[in-house]
Amino acid sequence: MKSSLPLFPTSLMGSMPRSKEVLSALRKIRRGTMDPNDFNKLIEMETQKVIKLQEDLGIDIITSGEIGRDNYVSFVSNKIDGVRMMSMSEMLDYIDDKKAFENILTTLDVPAVSIKNAICVGKLK
């Protein structure tokens, strides 16, 4: 069977930029201040916009644009037991040389509460 795709098909790689509404909703859903049904409706509407944009541009392989996904690391960490997302400040409990760690964050200009990382906290499953 012959493929109907062109020799060099186009597709979206990675996530599409998210609107201010989606970014705000992601923060609210993380804090538990937004109804999950409202969040899902917003994500569905925004995803449809991304799909239409790709169709209008003639993209061959359409994707969702990953509008509702927080980020790759949290998406993966939510699928693996023994991994937890932690802010830099939460990681301090696991750091022996707290002062050196704080100095690194200061040098890199990384706010201790702004970035979360996937941290192994137990046996991976």
N, C-alpha and C. Protein backbone atom coordinates (compact mmCIF):
# COMPACT_ATOMS: atom_id res chain seq x y z
N MET A 1 0.85 -1.18 0.00
CA MET A 1 0.00 0.00 0.00
C MET A 1 0.89 1.24 0.00
N LYS A 2 0.60 2.16 -0.85
CA LYS A 2 1.38 3.38 -0.99
C LYS A 2 0.89 4.44 0.00
N SER A 3 1.83 5.13 0.64
CA SER A 3 1.48 6.18 1.60
C SER A 3 0.97 7.42 0.87
N SER A 4 0.02 8.10 1.49
CA SER A 4 -0.48 9.34 0.89
C SER A 4 0.30 10.56 1.39
N LEU A 5 1.31 10.31 2.21
CA LEU A 5 2.13 11.41 2.72
C LEU A 5 3.17 11.79 1.67
N PRO A 6 3.58 13.05 1.64
CA PRO A 6 4.65 13.45 0.73
C PRO A 6 5.98 12.84 1.16
N LEU A 7 6.97 12.94 0.30
CA LEU A 7 8.29 12.39 0.58
C LEU A 7 8.87 12.96 1.88
N PHE A 8 8.66 14.26 2.12
CA PHE A 8 9.14 14.91 3.34
C PHE A 8 7.94 15.53 4.06
N PRO A 9 7.19 14.72 4.83
CA PRO A 9 6.01 15.26 5.50
C PRO A 9 6.36 16.26 6.60
N THR A 10 5.45 17.18 6.83
CA THR A 10 5.63 18.17 7.90
C THR A 10 4.81 17.77 9.12
N SER A 11 5.33 18.10 10.28
CA SER A 11 4.62 17.84 11.53
C SER A 11 5.18 18.77 12.60
N LEU A 12 4.41 18.95 13.64
CA LEU A 12 4.83 19.76 14.78
C LEU A 12 5.72 18.92 15.68
N MET A 13 6.86 19.47 16.08
CA MET A 13 7.75 18.82 17.04
C MET A 13 7.62 19.56 18.36
N GLY A 14 7.25 18.85 19.41
CA GLY A 14 7.19 19.47 20.72
C GLY A 14 5.87 20.16 20.98
N SER A 15 5.90 21.07 21.91
CA SER A 15 4.68 21.75 22.37
C SER A 15 4.49 23.09 21.66
N MET A 16 3.24 23.43 21.41
CA MET A 16 2.91 24.75 20.89
C MET A 16 2.93 25.74 22.06
N PRO A 17 3.23 27.01 21.78
CA PRO A 17 3.14 28.01 22.85
C PRO A 17 1.71 28.07 23.38
N ARG A 18 1.59 28.24 24.67
CA ARG A 18 0.26 28.28 25.30
C ARG A 18 -0.16 29.71 25.57
N SER A 19 -1.47 29.91 25.48
CA SER A 19 -2.03 31.24 25.72
C SER A 19 -1.92 31.61 27.20
N LYS A 20 -2.11 32.89 27.49
CA LYS A 20 -2.10 33.35 28.88
C LYS A 20 -3.18 32.64 29.69
N GLU A 21 -4.34 32.37 29.04
CA GLU A 21 -5.43 31.68 29.73
C GLU A 21 -5.03 30.26 30.13
N VAL A 22 -4.34 29.57 29.23
CA VAL A 22 -3.91 28.20 29.53
C VAL A 22 -2.84 28.22 30.62
N LEU A 23 -1.88 29.12 30.53
CA LEU A 23 -0.83 29.20 31.57
C LEU A 23 -1.44 29.49 32.94
N SER A 24 -2.41 30.39 32.96
CA SER A 24 -3.10 30.71 34.22
C SER A 24 -3.86 29.48 34.73
N ALA A 25 -4.53 28.78 33.82
CA ALA A 25 -5.29 27.59 34.21
C ALA A 25 -4.37 26.49 34.73
N LEU A 26 -3.21 26.32 34.13
CA LEU A 26 -2.25 25.32 34.62
C LEU A 26 -1.82 25.63 36.05
N ARG A 27 -1.59 26.93 36.34
CA ARG A 27 -1.23 27.31 37.72
C ARG A 27 -2.39 27.03 38.67
N LYS A 28 -3.60 27.38 38.24
CA LYS A 28 -4.77 27.17 39.10
C LYS A 28 -5.04 25.70 39.35
N ILE A 29 -4.91 24.87 38.33
CA ILE A 29 -5.19 23.44 38.51
C ILE A 29 -4.16 22.81 39.45
N ARG A 30 -2.88 23.28 39.37
CA ARG A 30 -1.84 22.79 40.28
C ARG A 30 -2.15 23.17 41.73
N ARG A 31 -2.71 24.39 41.92
CA ARG A 31 -3.04 24.86 43.27
C ARG A 31 -4.37 24.29 43.76
N GLY A 32 -5.13 23.69 42.86
CA GLY A 32 -6.44 23.16 43.23
C GLY A 32 -7.52 24.21 43.31
N THR A 33 -7.32 25.35 42.61
CA THR A 33 -8.29 26.43 42.66
C THR A 33 -9.13 26.52 41.38
N MET A 34 -9.03 25.51 40.53
CA MET A 34 -9.83 25.48 39.31
C MET A 34 -10.51 24.13 39.19
N ASP A 35 -11.76 24.15 38.79
CA ASP A 35 -12.51 22.91 38.60
C ASP A 35 -11.88 22.13 37.44
N PRO A 36 -11.57 20.85 37.64
CA PRO A 36 -10.95 20.05 36.57
C PRO A 36 -11.78 20.02 35.28
N ASN A 37 -13.11 20.04 35.40
CA ASN A 37 -13.96 20.05 34.21
C ASN A 37 -13.78 21.34 33.41
N ASP A 38 -13.67 22.46 34.11
CA ASP A 38 -13.43 23.74 33.43
C ASP A 38 -12.06 23.74 32.76
N PHE A 39 -11.08 23.19 33.45
CA PHE A 39 -9.73 23.09 32.89
C PHE A 39 -9.76 22.25 31.60
N ASN A 40 -10.40 21.09 31.67
CA ASN A 40 -10.46 20.20 30.51
C ASN A 40 -11.18 20.85 29.33
N LYS A 41 -12.24 21.60 29.60
CA LYS A 41 -12.96 22.30 28.53
C LYS A 41 -12.06 23.34 27.86
N LEU A 42 -11.32 24.10 28.67
CA LEU A 42 -10.41 25.11 28.13
C LEU A 42 -9.33 24.44 27.27
N ILE A 43 -8.76 23.36 27.77
CA ILE A 43 -7.70 22.66 27.03
C ILE A 43 -8.25 22.11 25.73
N GLU A 44 -9.45 21.58 25.73
CA GLU A 44 -10.08 21.07 24.51
C GLU A 44 -10.27 22.19 23.48
N MET A 45 -10.75 23.34 23.93
CA MET A 45 -10.95 24.48 23.03
C MET A 45 -9.62 24.96 22.44
N GLU A 46 -8.61 25.08 23.29
CA GLU A 46 -7.30 25.55 22.84
C GLU A 46 -6.64 24.52 21.91
N THR A 47 -6.84 23.24 22.18
CA THR A 47 -6.30 22.19 21.32
C THR A 47 -6.94 22.24 19.94
N GLN A 48 -8.25 22.49 19.90
CA GLN A 48 -8.93 22.62 18.61
C GLN A 48 -8.36 23.78 17.80
N LYS A 49 -8.00 24.87 18.48
CA LYS A 49 -7.38 26.01 17.79
C LYS A 49 -6.04 25.61 17.17
N VAL A 50 -5.26 24.84 17.92
CA VAL A 50 -3.95 24.40 17.44
C VAL A 50 -4.12 23.46 16.25
N ILE A 51 -5.09 22.58 16.32
CA ILE A 51 -5.34 21.65 15.21
C ILE A 51 -5.76 22.43 13.97
N LYS A 52 -6.66 23.40 14.13
CA LYS A 52 -7.11 24.20 12.99
C LYS A 52 -5.94 24.98 12.38
N LEU A 53 -5.08 25.54 13.22
CA LEU A 53 -3.92 26.27 12.73
C LEU A 53 -3.05 25.36 11.86
N GLN A 54 -2.79 24.15 12.32
CA GLN A 54 -1.97 23.21 11.56
C GLN A 54 -2.65 22.83 10.24
N GLU A 55 -3.96 22.61 10.30
CA GLU A 55 -4.70 22.29 9.07
C GLU A 55 -4.63 23.45 8.09
N ASP A 56 -4.84 24.68 8.58
CA ASP A 56 -4.81 25.86 7.72
C ASP A 56 -3.43 26.06 7.08
N LEU A 57 -2.38 25.65 7.78
CA LEU A 57 -1.01 25.80 7.28
C LEU A 57 -0.58 24.64 6.39
N GLY A 58 -1.43 23.62 6.26
CA GLY A 58 -1.11 22.48 5.41
C GLY A 58 -0.15 21.48 6.02
N ILE A 59 -0.09 21.43 7.34
CA ILE A 59 0.77 20.47 8.02
C ILE A 59 0.25 19.06 7.71
N ASP A 60 1.17 18.13 7.39
CA ASP A 60 0.77 16.78 6.98
C ASP A 60 0.33 15.89 8.13
N ILE A 61 1.07 15.92 9.22
CA ILE A 61 0.76 15.07 10.38
C ILE A 61 0.37 16.01 11.52
N ILE A 62 -0.90 16.01 11.87
CA ILE A 62 -1.45 16.92 12.88
C ILE A 62 -1.23 16.35 14.28
N THR A 63 -0.84 17.22 15.22
CA THR A 63 -0.70 16.82 16.62
C THR A 63 -1.56 17.73 17.50
N SER A 64 -1.66 17.37 18.76
CA SER A 64 -2.46 18.15 19.71
C SER A 64 -1.76 19.44 20.12
N GLY A 65 -0.46 19.50 19.95
CA GLY A 65 0.31 20.66 20.42
C GLY A 65 0.62 20.59 21.91
N GLU A 66 0.17 19.52 22.56
CA GLU A 66 0.45 19.29 23.99
C GLU A 66 0.06 20.47 24.86
N ILE A 67 -1.05 21.08 24.55
CA ILE A 67 -1.50 22.30 25.24
C ILE A 67 -1.72 22.08 26.74
N GLY A 68 -2.27 20.95 27.12
CA GLY A 68 -2.61 20.72 28.53
C GLY A 68 -1.50 20.12 29.36
N ARG A 69 -0.41 19.77 28.71
CA ARG A 69 0.68 19.13 29.46
C ARG A 69 1.49 20.21 30.17
N ASP A 70 1.79 19.97 31.43
CA ASP A 70 2.58 20.92 32.21
C ASP A 70 3.96 21.07 31.58
N ASN A 71 4.72 20.01 31.56
CA ASN A 71 6.00 19.96 30.87
C ASN A 71 6.40 18.50 30.75
N TYR A 72 7.41 18.24 29.95
CA TYR A 72 7.79 16.85 29.68
C TYR A 72 8.20 16.12 30.95
N VAL A 73 8.99 16.77 31.77
CA VAL A 73 9.50 16.11 32.97
C VAL A 73 8.36 15.73 33.91
N SER A 74 7.42 16.64 34.15
CA SER A 74 6.32 16.31 35.06
C SER A 74 5.40 15.26 34.44
N PHE A 75 5.23 15.31 33.13
CA PHE A 75 4.41 14.31 32.44
C PHE A 75 4.99 12.91 32.67
N VAL A 76 6.29 12.77 32.48
CA VAL A 76 6.95 11.48 32.67
C VAL A 76 6.96 11.09 34.15
N SER A 77 7.27 12.05 35.03
CA SER A 77 7.35 11.71 36.45
C SER A 77 6.01 11.26 37.01
N ASN A 78 4.92 11.75 36.45
CA ASN A 78 3.59 11.31 36.89
C ASN A 78 3.29 9.87 36.49
N LYS A 79 4.06 9.33 35.57
CA LYS A 79 3.85 7.96 35.08
C LYS A 79 4.75 6.96 35.79
N ILE A 80 5.70 7.44 36.60
CA ILE A 80 6.68 6.56 37.24
C ILE A 80 6.54 6.64 38.76
N ASP A 81 6.25 5.51 39.39
CA ASP A 81 6.24 5.47 40.85
C ASP A 81 7.66 5.65 41.36
N GLY A 82 7.82 6.35 42.46
CA GLY A 82 9.13 6.58 43.04
C GLY A 82 9.75 7.89 42.61
N VAL A 83 9.01 8.69 41.82
CA VAL A 83 9.49 9.99 41.37
C VAL A 83 8.48 11.04 41.79
N ARG A 84 9.00 12.17 42.28
CA ARG A 84 8.12 13.26 42.71
C ARG A 84 8.68 14.57 42.20
N MET A 85 7.80 15.45 41.79
CA MET A 85 8.22 16.78 41.38
C MET A 85 8.45 17.62 42.63
N MET A 86 9.62 18.26 42.69
CA MET A 86 9.96 19.08 43.84
C MET A 86 10.56 20.40 43.38
N SER A 87 10.24 21.45 44.12
CA SER A 87 10.89 22.73 43.86
C SER A 87 12.30 22.66 44.44
N MET A 88 13.11 23.62 44.04
CA MET A 88 14.48 23.67 44.57
C MET A 88 14.47 23.80 46.10
N SER A 89 13.52 24.57 46.62
CA SER A 89 13.48 24.74 48.07
C SER A 89 13.07 23.44 48.76
N GLU A 90 12.20 22.64 48.13
CA GLU A 90 11.83 21.34 48.71
C GLU A 90 13.00 20.38 48.68
N MET A 91 13.87 20.54 47.69
CA MET A 91 15.05 19.67 47.56
C MET A 91 16.06 19.92 48.67
N LEU A 92 16.00 21.08 49.31
CA LEU A 92 16.96 21.40 50.38
C LEU A 92 16.98 20.34 51.47
N ASP A 93 15.83 19.70 51.71
CA ASP A 93 15.77 18.65 52.73
C ASP A 93 16.69 17.47 52.39
N TYR A 94 17.03 17.32 51.12
CA TYR A 94 17.85 16.18 50.67
C TYR A 94 19.30 16.58 50.39
N ILE A 95 19.64 17.86 50.57
CA ILE A 95 20.97 18.37 50.25
C ILE A 95 21.79 18.49 51.54
N ASP A 96 22.99 17.90 51.52
CA ASP A 96 23.85 17.99 52.70
C ASP A 96 24.42 19.40 52.87
N ASP A 97 24.98 19.95 51.80
CA ASP A 97 25.59 21.28 51.87
C ASP A 97 24.60 22.32 51.34
N LYS A 98 23.67 22.69 52.21
CA LYS A 98 22.60 23.61 51.82
C LYS A 98 23.13 24.97 51.36
N LYS A 99 24.15 25.47 52.02
CA LYS A 99 24.70 26.78 51.68
C LYS A 99 25.28 26.76 50.27
N ALA A 100 26.02 25.72 49.93
CA ALA A 100 26.61 25.62 48.58
C ALA A 100 25.51 25.52 47.53
N PHE A 101 24.47 24.78 47.84
CA PHE A 101 23.35 24.64 46.90
C PHE A 101 22.66 26.00 46.70
N GLU A 102 22.43 26.71 47.79
CA GLU A 102 21.82 28.04 47.69
C GLU A 102 22.71 29.00 46.89
N ASN A 103 24.03 28.88 47.05
CA ASN A 103 24.96 29.71 46.28
C ASN A 103 24.87 29.41 44.79
N ILE A 104 24.73 28.14 44.45
CA ILE A 104 24.58 27.75 43.05
C ILE A 104 23.31 28.37 42.47
N LEU A 105 22.21 28.27 43.21
CA LEU A 105 20.93 28.83 42.75
C LEU A 105 21.05 30.34 42.56
N THR A 106 21.73 30.99 43.49
CA THR A 106 21.91 32.45 43.40
C THR A 106 22.76 32.80 42.18
N THR A 107 23.85 32.08 41.98
CA THR A 107 24.74 32.32 40.83
C THR A 107 23.98 32.14 39.52
N LEU A 108 23.13 31.10 39.46
CA LEU A 108 22.36 30.83 38.24
C LEU A 108 21.10 31.68 38.14
N ASP A 109 20.84 32.47 39.18
CA ASP A 109 19.64 33.31 39.23
C ASP A 109 18.37 32.48 39.10
N VAL A 110 18.33 31.38 39.86
CA VAL A 110 17.18 30.49 39.86
C VAL A 110 16.41 30.66 41.16
N PRO A 111 15.18 31.17 41.10
CA PRO A 111 14.38 31.26 42.32
C PRO A 111 14.09 29.87 42.86
N ALA A 112 14.29 29.68 44.15
CA ALA A 112 14.18 28.36 44.77
C ALA A 112 12.78 27.76 44.70
N VAL A 113 11.76 28.58 44.46
CA VAL A 113 10.40 28.04 44.43
C VAL A 113 9.83 27.97 43.01
N SER A 114 10.55 28.46 42.02
CA SER A 114 9.94 28.60 40.71
C SER A 114 10.08 27.38 39.80
N ILE A 115 11.11 26.60 39.97
CA ILE A 115 11.35 25.48 39.07
C ILE A 115 11.18 24.19 39.84
N LYS A 116 10.44 23.25 39.24
CA LYS A 116 10.30 21.93 39.86
C LYS A 116 11.07 20.93 39.01
N ASN A 117 11.66 19.97 39.68
CA ASN A 117 12.43 18.92 39.04
C ASN A 117 11.89 17.57 39.45
N ALA A 118 12.08 16.59 38.58
CA ALA A 118 11.71 15.23 38.90
C ALA A 118 12.82 14.64 39.78
N ILE A 119 12.45 14.24 40.99
CA ILE A 119 13.42 13.73 41.96
C ILE A 119 13.05 12.30 42.33
N CYS A 120 14.03 11.42 42.30
CA CYS A 120 13.79 10.03 42.70
C CYS A 120 13.68 10.01 44.23
N VAL A 121 12.53 9.53 44.72
CA VAL A 121 12.30 9.48 46.16
C VAL A 121 12.08 8.05 46.65
N GLY A 122 12.18 7.09 45.76
CA GLY A 122 11.96 5.69 46.13
C GLY A 122 12.29 4.78 44.97
N LYS A 123 11.93 3.53 45.13
CA LYS A 123 12.17 2.54 44.08
C LYS A 123 11.33 2.89 42.85
N LEU A 124 11.96 2.89 41.70
CA LEU A 124 11.25 3.22 40.46
C LEU A 124 10.43 2.02 39.99
N LYS A 125 9.18 2.34 39.61
CA LYS A 125 8.30 1.29 39.07
C LYS A 125 7.57 1.86 37.87
